[in-house]
N, C-alpha and C. Protein backbone atom coordinates (compact mmCIF):
# COMPACT_ATOMS: atom_id res chain seq x y z
N MET A 1 -62.39 -216.48 151.82
CA MET A 1 -62.18 -214.79 151.71
C MET A 1 -62.99 -213.97 151.41
N ASN A 2 -62.68 -213.20 151.83
CA ASN A 2 -63.71 -212.52 151.91
C ASN A 2 -62.95 -210.68 150.69
N LYS A 3 -64.59 -211.06 149.97
CA LYS A 3 -63.85 -209.92 149.07
C LYS A 3 -63.54 -208.61 148.94
N SER A 4 -64.02 -207.68 150.26
CA SER A 4 -63.70 -206.71 150.22
C SER A 4 -61.57 -206.59 150.78
N ILE A 5 -61.50 -207.57 151.34
CA ILE A 5 -59.83 -207.72 151.93
C ILE A 5 -59.27 -208.14 150.46
N THR A 6 -59.73 -209.11 149.61
CA THR A 6 -59.17 -208.81 148.39
C THR A 6 -59.17 -208.33 147.22
N SER A 7 -59.99 -207.43 147.10
CA SER A 7 -59.67 -207.03 146.81
C SER A 7 -58.93 -205.15 147.23
N GLN A 8 -58.98 -205.13 148.53
CA GLN A 8 -57.68 -204.26 148.48
C GLN A 8 -57.03 -204.07 149.09
N THR A 9 -56.57 -205.93 148.76
CA THR A 9 -54.70 -206.22 148.97
C THR A 9 -54.58 -205.98 147.16
N GLY A 10 -55.62 -206.57 146.11
CA GLY A 10 -54.71 -206.26 145.12
C GLY A 10 -55.22 -204.64 144.47
N SER A 11 -55.34 -203.94 145.67
CA SER A 11 -55.71 -202.56 144.76
C SER A 11 -53.62 -202.18 145.48
N VAL A 12 -53.88 -202.70 146.87
CA VAL A 12 -52.08 -202.33 147.44
C VAL A 12 -51.50 -202.60 146.56
N GLY A 13 -51.61 -203.93 146.24
CA GLY A 13 -50.65 -204.07 145.17
C GLY A 13 -50.49 -203.93 143.98
N GLU A 14 -51.08 -203.79 143.20
CA GLU A 14 -51.07 -202.98 141.87
C GLU A 14 -50.68 -201.37 141.97
N ASP A 15 -50.54 -200.84 143.61
CA ASP A 15 -49.94 -199.26 143.45
C ASP A 15 -48.54 -199.42 144.55
N ILE A 16 -48.25 -200.85 144.59
CA ILE A 16 -46.96 -200.58 144.84
C ILE A 16 -46.70 -201.48 143.85
N ALA A 17 -47.17 -201.79 142.93
CA ALA A 17 -46.35 -202.30 141.45
C ALA A 17 -45.82 -201.46 140.36
N ALA A 18 -46.79 -200.21 140.80
CA ALA A 18 -46.94 -198.98 139.80
C ALA A 18 -45.43 -198.46 140.61
N ILE A 19 -45.19 -197.86 141.97
CA ILE A 19 -44.13 -197.64 141.62
C ILE A 19 -42.80 -198.02 141.97
N PHE A 20 -42.84 -199.06 142.48
CA PHE A 20 -41.54 -200.51 141.63
C PHE A 20 -41.24 -200.27 140.17
N VAL A 21 -42.05 -200.64 139.02
CA VAL A 21 -42.32 -199.94 137.41
C VAL A 21 -41.28 -199.17 138.02
N GLN A 22 -41.75 -197.70 138.02
CA GLN A 22 -41.24 -196.66 137.76
C GLN A 22 -40.19 -196.18 138.59
N ARG A 23 -39.08 -196.90 139.57
CA ARG A 23 -38.02 -197.12 139.78
C ARG A 23 -36.83 -197.82 139.28
N LYS A 24 -38.01 -198.87 137.78
CA LYS A 24 -36.84 -198.99 137.10
C LYS A 24 -36.72 -198.74 136.33
N GLY A 25 -37.36 -197.38 136.06
CA GLY A 25 -36.98 -196.87 134.31
C GLY A 25 -38.34 -196.42 133.57
N PHE A 26 -40.05 -197.19 134.00
CA PHE A 26 -41.16 -197.15 133.70
C PHE A 26 -41.76 -195.69 133.88
N SER A 27 -42.68 -195.44 132.33
CA SER A 27 -43.67 -194.17 132.76
C SER A 27 -44.70 -194.96 133.17
N ILE A 28 -46.02 -194.53 133.48
CA ILE A 28 -46.35 -195.47 134.06
C ILE A 28 -48.05 -194.33 132.65
N ILE A 29 -48.86 -195.10 131.56
CA ILE A 29 -49.51 -194.61 130.99
C ILE A 29 -50.85 -194.52 131.20
N GLU A 30 -50.83 -195.56 132.10
CA GLU A 30 -52.38 -195.96 132.52
C GLU A 30 -52.96 -196.47 133.28
N LYS A 31 -53.79 -196.41 134.53
CA LYS A 31 -54.34 -198.02 135.20
C LYS A 31 -54.89 -198.35 135.09
N ASN A 32 -55.31 -199.91 135.37
CA ASN A 32 -57.13 -199.87 135.97
C ASN A 32 -57.38 -200.17 134.56
N TYR A 33 -57.03 -199.81 133.22
CA TYR A 33 -57.17 -200.32 131.75
C TYR A 33 -58.63 -201.08 132.40
N ARG A 34 -59.71 -200.68 131.67
CA ARG A 34 -61.23 -201.53 131.73
C ARG A 34 -61.72 -201.97 130.73
N LYS A 35 -62.23 -202.48 129.94
CA LYS A 35 -62.97 -202.62 128.92
C LYS A 35 -63.86 -203.96 129.35
N PRO A 36 -65.24 -204.25 128.25
CA PRO A 36 -65.77 -204.85 128.91
C PRO A 36 -65.13 -206.79 128.09
N TRP A 37 -64.31 -207.19 127.32
CA TRP A 37 -63.52 -207.49 127.35
C TRP A 37 -62.56 -208.17 128.04
N GLY A 38 -61.54 -207.32 129.09
CA GLY A 38 -60.92 -207.20 129.52
C GLY A 38 -60.01 -206.01 129.95
N GLU A 39 -59.30 -206.16 131.49
CA GLU A 39 -58.46 -205.54 131.88
C GLU A 39 -56.99 -205.24 131.89
N ILE A 40 -56.18 -204.41 132.05
CA ILE A 40 -55.50 -204.77 132.04
C ILE A 40 -54.63 -203.29 133.49
N ASP A 41 -53.94 -204.37 134.09
CA ASP A 41 -54.21 -203.10 135.95
C ASP A 41 -52.77 -202.30 135.93
N ILE A 42 -51.58 -201.89 134.63
CA ILE A 42 -50.58 -200.96 134.51
C ILE A 42 -50.34 -201.18 133.15
N VAL A 43 -50.66 -200.11 132.45
CA VAL A 43 -49.82 -199.57 130.97
C VAL A 43 -49.00 -198.82 131.23
N ALA A 44 -47.50 -199.22 130.52
CA ALA A 44 -46.68 -198.04 130.63
C ALA A 44 -45.10 -198.55 129.64
N GLU A 45 -44.81 -197.81 129.64
CA GLU A 45 -43.83 -197.01 128.15
C GLU A 45 -42.17 -197.07 128.69
N ARG A 46 -41.62 -197.65 127.99
CA ARG A 46 -39.80 -197.97 128.37
C ARG A 46 -38.88 -198.25 127.42
N ASP A 47 -38.27 -197.37 127.22
CA ASP A 47 -37.65 -197.03 125.59
C ASP A 47 -37.91 -197.24 124.57
N GLY A 48 -39.32 -196.95 124.48
CA GLY A 48 -39.94 -196.75 123.53
C GLY A 48 -41.61 -198.32 123.44
N THR A 49 -41.44 -198.69 124.30
CA THR A 49 -41.62 -199.79 124.65
C THR A 49 -43.01 -199.96 125.03
N VAL A 50 -44.44 -200.62 124.74
CA VAL A 50 -45.69 -200.18 125.81
C VAL A 50 -45.48 -201.77 126.43
N HIS A 51 -45.68 -201.27 127.53
CA HIS A 51 -45.17 -202.26 128.28
C HIS A 51 -46.95 -203.19 129.05
N PHE A 52 -47.52 -204.25 129.21
CA PHE A 52 -48.78 -204.44 129.46
C PHE A 52 -48.18 -205.16 130.54
N ILE A 53 -48.78 -204.45 132.45
CA ILE A 53 -48.14 -205.36 133.59
C ILE A 53 -49.45 -206.30 134.10
N GLU A 54 -49.64 -207.21 134.56
CA GLU A 54 -50.86 -207.59 135.36
C GLU A 54 -50.02 -208.14 136.36
N VAL A 55 -50.74 -207.64 137.19
CA VAL A 55 -50.82 -207.87 138.81
C VAL A 55 -50.53 -208.68 139.89
N LYS A 56 -50.38 -209.49 140.34
CA LYS A 56 -50.85 -210.58 141.42
C LYS A 56 -50.33 -210.10 142.41
N ALA A 57 -51.56 -209.57 143.24
CA ALA A 57 -50.73 -209.79 145.02
C ALA A 57 -51.83 -210.21 145.61
N VAL A 58 -50.25 -210.88 146.94
CA VAL A 58 -51.36 -211.85 148.20
C VAL A 58 -50.24 -211.79 148.83
N SER A 59 -51.03 -211.49 150.32
CA SER A 59 -51.07 -211.10 151.73
C SER A 59 -50.40 -212.09 151.94
N ARG A 60 -48.99 -212.27 153.12
CA ARG A 60 -48.58 -213.53 153.72
C ARG A 60 -47.74 -213.05 154.27
N SER A 61 -47.23 -213.11 155.92
CA SER A 61 -45.88 -212.99 156.66
C SER A 61 -44.98 -212.95 155.55
N ILE A 62 -44.00 -212.11 155.95
CA ILE A 62 -42.30 -212.18 155.17
C ILE A 62 -41.37 -212.74 156.00
N VAL A 63 -40.98 -213.87 156.04
CA VAL A 63 -40.11 -214.64 156.25
C VAL A 63 -38.26 -213.83 156.08
N ASP A 64 -37.75 -213.09 156.77
CA ASP A 64 -37.21 -212.57 157.18
C ASP A 64 -35.31 -213.13 156.72
N ASP A 65 -35.85 -214.86 157.70
CA ASP A 65 -34.92 -215.84 158.69
C ASP A 65 -34.04 -216.83 157.09
N GLY A 66 -33.74 -216.04 155.54
CA GLY A 66 -33.11 -216.52 154.50
C GLY A 66 -33.93 -217.94 153.94
N SER A 67 -34.62 -218.92 154.77
CA SER A 67 -35.44 -219.94 154.01
C SER A 67 -36.27 -220.32 153.81
N ARG A 68 -36.23 -221.22 152.48
CA ARG A 68 -37.10 -221.05 151.43
C ARG A 68 -38.49 -221.56 151.62
N GLU A 69 -39.15 -222.07 152.74
CA GLU A 69 -39.98 -222.66 153.53
C GLU A 69 -41.36 -221.87 153.10
N MET A 70 -41.36 -220.69 153.24
CA MET A 70 -43.24 -220.01 153.65
C MET A 70 -42.24 -218.60 152.27
N ASP A 71 -41.36 -219.36 150.91
CA ASP A 71 -41.47 -218.18 149.90
C ASP A 71 -42.42 -218.29 148.72
N TYR A 72 -43.77 -217.64 148.60
CA TYR A 72 -45.13 -217.63 148.07
C TYR A 72 -44.73 -216.96 147.09
N ARG A 73 -45.07 -217.43 145.76
CA ARG A 73 -45.05 -216.65 144.62
C ARG A 73 -46.62 -216.17 144.30
N PRO A 74 -47.04 -215.10 144.42
CA PRO A 74 -48.19 -214.75 143.00
C PRO A 74 -48.39 -214.80 141.85
N GLU A 75 -46.98 -214.19 141.57
CA GLU A 75 -46.87 -214.83 139.92
C GLU A 75 -47.45 -215.55 139.37
N GLU A 76 -47.74 -216.75 140.34
CA GLU A 76 -47.68 -218.15 139.38
C GLU A 76 -48.89 -219.06 139.28
N MET A 77 -49.75 -217.42 140.06
CA MET A 77 -50.83 -217.37 140.04
C MET A 77 -52.12 -216.91 138.99
N VAL A 78 -50.77 -216.67 138.36
CA VAL A 78 -52.02 -215.40 137.09
C VAL A 78 -51.52 -217.00 135.95
N THR A 79 -52.33 -216.67 135.75
CA THR A 79 -52.81 -218.40 134.57
C THR A 79 -52.39 -218.37 132.82
N ILE A 80 -52.80 -218.86 131.82
CA ILE A 80 -51.64 -218.95 130.69
C ILE A 80 -53.24 -217.76 130.22
N SER A 81 -54.40 -218.39 130.57
CA SER A 81 -55.79 -217.92 130.05
C SER A 81 -56.20 -216.38 130.32
N LYS A 82 -55.84 -216.14 131.41
CA LYS A 82 -55.43 -215.08 131.82
C LYS A 82 -54.31 -214.19 130.83
N LEU A 83 -52.98 -214.22 131.11
CA LEU A 83 -52.09 -213.49 129.85
C LEU A 83 -53.30 -213.52 129.07
N ARG A 84 -53.89 -214.94 128.22
CA ARG A 84 -54.21 -214.51 126.63
C ARG A 84 -55.17 -213.07 126.22
N LYS A 85 -56.26 -213.24 127.71
CA LYS A 85 -56.97 -211.83 127.42
C LYS A 85 -56.60 -211.41 127.81
N VAL A 86 -55.26 -210.76 128.71
CA VAL A 86 -54.50 -209.72 128.66
C VAL A 86 -53.88 -209.12 127.26
N ALA A 87 -53.32 -209.71 126.81
CA ALA A 87 -52.66 -209.59 125.60
C ALA A 87 -53.96 -209.18 123.95
N ARG A 88 -54.72 -210.24 124.18
CA ARG A 88 -56.83 -209.45 122.86
C ARG A 88 -56.57 -207.69 124.31
N THR A 89 -56.81 -207.76 124.99
CA THR A 89 -56.58 -206.78 125.67
C THR A 89 -56.19 -205.19 125.33
N ALA A 90 -55.43 -206.22 125.13
CA ALA A 90 -53.35 -205.23 125.08
C ALA A 90 -53.51 -204.83 123.22
N ALA A 91 -53.73 -206.27 122.52
CA ALA A 91 -53.86 -205.46 121.26
C ALA A 91 -55.02 -204.63 120.83
N LEU A 92 -55.88 -205.02 121.44
CA LEU A 92 -57.06 -203.70 121.16
C LEU A 92 -57.14 -202.03 121.42
N TYR A 93 -56.11 -202.42 122.92
CA TYR A 93 -55.74 -201.29 123.91
C TYR A 93 -54.60 -200.29 122.31
N MET A 94 -53.76 -201.14 122.05
CA MET A 94 -52.92 -200.98 120.99
C MET A 94 -53.67 -200.32 119.30
N GLU A 95 -54.01 -200.49 119.21
CA GLU A 95 -54.68 -200.90 118.06
C GLU A 95 -56.07 -198.99 118.38
N SER A 96 -56.23 -199.47 118.83
CA SER A 96 -57.65 -198.24 119.33
C SER A 96 -56.60 -196.62 119.79
N LYS A 97 -55.86 -197.16 120.09
CA LYS A 97 -54.47 -195.69 120.58
C LYS A 97 -54.12 -195.24 118.86
N ARG A 98 -53.93 -196.66 117.71
CA ARG A 98 -53.72 -195.80 116.56
C ARG A 98 -51.62 -196.23 117.45
N ASP A 99 -51.55 -197.24 118.49
CA ASP A 99 -50.54 -197.04 118.34
C ASP A 99 -49.32 -198.59 117.33
N ALA A 100 -48.68 -198.00 117.36
CA ALA A 100 -47.40 -198.75 116.64
C ALA A 100 -46.33 -199.38 116.93
N ARG A 101 -45.98 -198.84 117.47
CA ARG A 101 -44.72 -199.46 119.10
C ARG A 101 -45.12 -201.07 119.06
N GLU A 102 -43.35 -201.34 119.18
CA GLU A 102 -43.50 -203.24 120.28
C GLU A 102 -44.63 -203.23 121.70
N TYR A 103 -44.60 -203.46 121.75
CA TYR A 103 -45.44 -204.20 123.04
C TYR A 103 -45.83 -205.35 123.53
N GLN A 104 -45.49 -205.82 125.03
CA GLN A 104 -45.61 -206.81 125.48
C GLN A 104 -46.17 -206.96 126.46
N ILE A 105 -46.09 -208.13 127.42
CA ILE A 105 -47.04 -208.61 127.95
C ILE A 105 -46.32 -208.89 129.98
N ASP A 106 -45.46 -207.61 130.83
CA ASP A 106 -45.37 -208.90 131.51
C ASP A 106 -46.19 -208.88 133.36
N VAL A 107 -45.51 -209.51 133.63
CA VAL A 107 -46.27 -209.81 134.99
C VAL A 107 -45.45 -209.68 136.42
N VAL A 108 -46.08 -208.66 137.06
CA VAL A 108 -45.29 -208.01 138.56
C VAL A 108 -45.51 -208.64 140.09
N GLY A 109 -45.40 -210.19 140.29
CA GLY A 109 -45.15 -210.44 141.75
C GLY A 109 -45.55 -209.59 143.04
N VAL A 110 -46.49 -209.29 144.12
CA VAL A 110 -46.54 -208.53 144.80
C VAL A 110 -46.54 -209.30 146.01
N LEU A 111 -45.46 -209.81 146.77
CA LEU A 111 -46.45 -209.61 148.46
C LEU A 111 -45.96 -208.79 149.37
N LEU A 112 -46.78 -209.15 150.19
CA LEU A 112 -47.30 -207.92 151.63
C LEU A 112 -47.75 -209.07 152.25
N ASP A 113 -46.86 -207.66 153.21
CA ASP A 113 -47.39 -208.12 154.55
C ASP A 113 -47.28 -207.30 155.27
N THR A 114 -48.65 -206.77 155.63
CA THR A 114 -49.44 -206.02 156.75
C THR A 114 -49.24 -205.76 157.78
N GLU A 115 -48.80 -206.75 158.42
CA GLU A 115 -48.58 -206.06 159.59
C GLU A 115 -46.76 -205.83 159.57
N LYS A 116 -46.14 -206.00 158.88
CA LYS A 116 -44.78 -205.40 158.59
C LYS A 116 -45.17 -203.89 158.25
N LYS A 117 -45.98 -204.17 157.14
CA LYS A 117 -46.23 -203.16 156.14
C LYS A 117 -44.82 -202.97 155.40
N LYS A 118 -44.72 -204.38 154.71
CA LYS A 118 -43.49 -204.52 154.04
C LYS A 118 -44.31 -205.05 152.49
N ALA A 119 -43.17 -205.23 151.63
CA ALA A 119 -43.86 -206.03 150.71
C ALA A 119 -42.74 -206.07 149.31
N LYS A 120 -42.83 -206.90 149.00
CA LYS A 120 -41.57 -207.38 148.00
C LYS A 120 -42.70 -208.13 146.90
N CYS A 121 -41.65 -207.23 145.78
CA CYS A 121 -41.35 -207.45 144.45
C CYS A 121 -41.25 -208.09 143.25
N ARG A 122 -41.06 -209.29 142.29
CA ARG A 122 -40.90 -209.98 141.65
C ARG A 122 -41.18 -209.31 140.20
N PHE A 123 -40.50 -209.31 139.12
CA PHE A 123 -41.12 -208.68 137.76
C PHE A 123 -40.73 -209.75 136.80
N PHE A 124 -41.68 -209.95 136.29
CA PHE A 124 -41.19 -210.49 134.97
C PHE A 124 -41.76 -210.05 133.65
N GLU A 125 -40.05 -210.13 132.50
CA GLU A 125 -41.44 -209.49 131.94
C GLU A 125 -41.05 -210.30 130.46
N GLN A 126 -42.24 -209.82 129.68
CA GLN A 126 -42.43 -210.53 127.84
C GLN A 126 -43.05 -212.52 128.50
N VAL A 127 -43.47 -212.20 129.69
CA VAL A 127 -44.03 -213.51 129.98
C VAL A 127 -44.91 -214.31 128.41
N LEU A 128 -45.38 -213.35 127.94
CA LEU A 128 -45.78 -214.36 126.73
C LEU A 128 -46.10 -214.13 125.05
N GLU A 129 -45.20 -215.44 124.79
CA GLU A 129 -44.71 -215.28 123.16
C GLU A 129 -46.28 -215.17 122.78
N ASP A 130 -45.67 -214.76 121.22
CA ASP A 130 -46.70 -214.74 120.80
C ASP A 130 -47.91 -214.52 119.71
N ASN A 131 -46.58 -216.58 119.69
CA ASN A 131 -47.67 -217.79 119.14
C ASN A 131 -48.76 -218.35 120.88
N LEU A 132 -48.51 -217.97 121.95
CA LEU A 132 -49.71 -219.09 122.23
C LEU A 132 -51.17 -218.58 121.98
């Protein structure tokens, strides 16, 4: 797959996910937090808890006929090793900010239909338990 198309899909997906979580009552603290040891797509806060949100976006046609034949779940492409890396980066983020609040790792799956200019988002909270 063309790397620039993949990057563009990811960037658009992150922007849509940011709007999506804001509509759910989150405040965005930071986007695209990058360090040599890892990156976090969205750092947000809601009700005193910091949320580190991994976004996985894919571009597919969205079928509106109610069938599940074309039901695609981009969030299932987020691996446990990726989530662990996000968790390590989150812990270092909280330490560097000297922030003692509770935090968790969340995932937003974004399904983009570029032809129809539509998107569907699915939100999964606290996807990684402390013992993983």
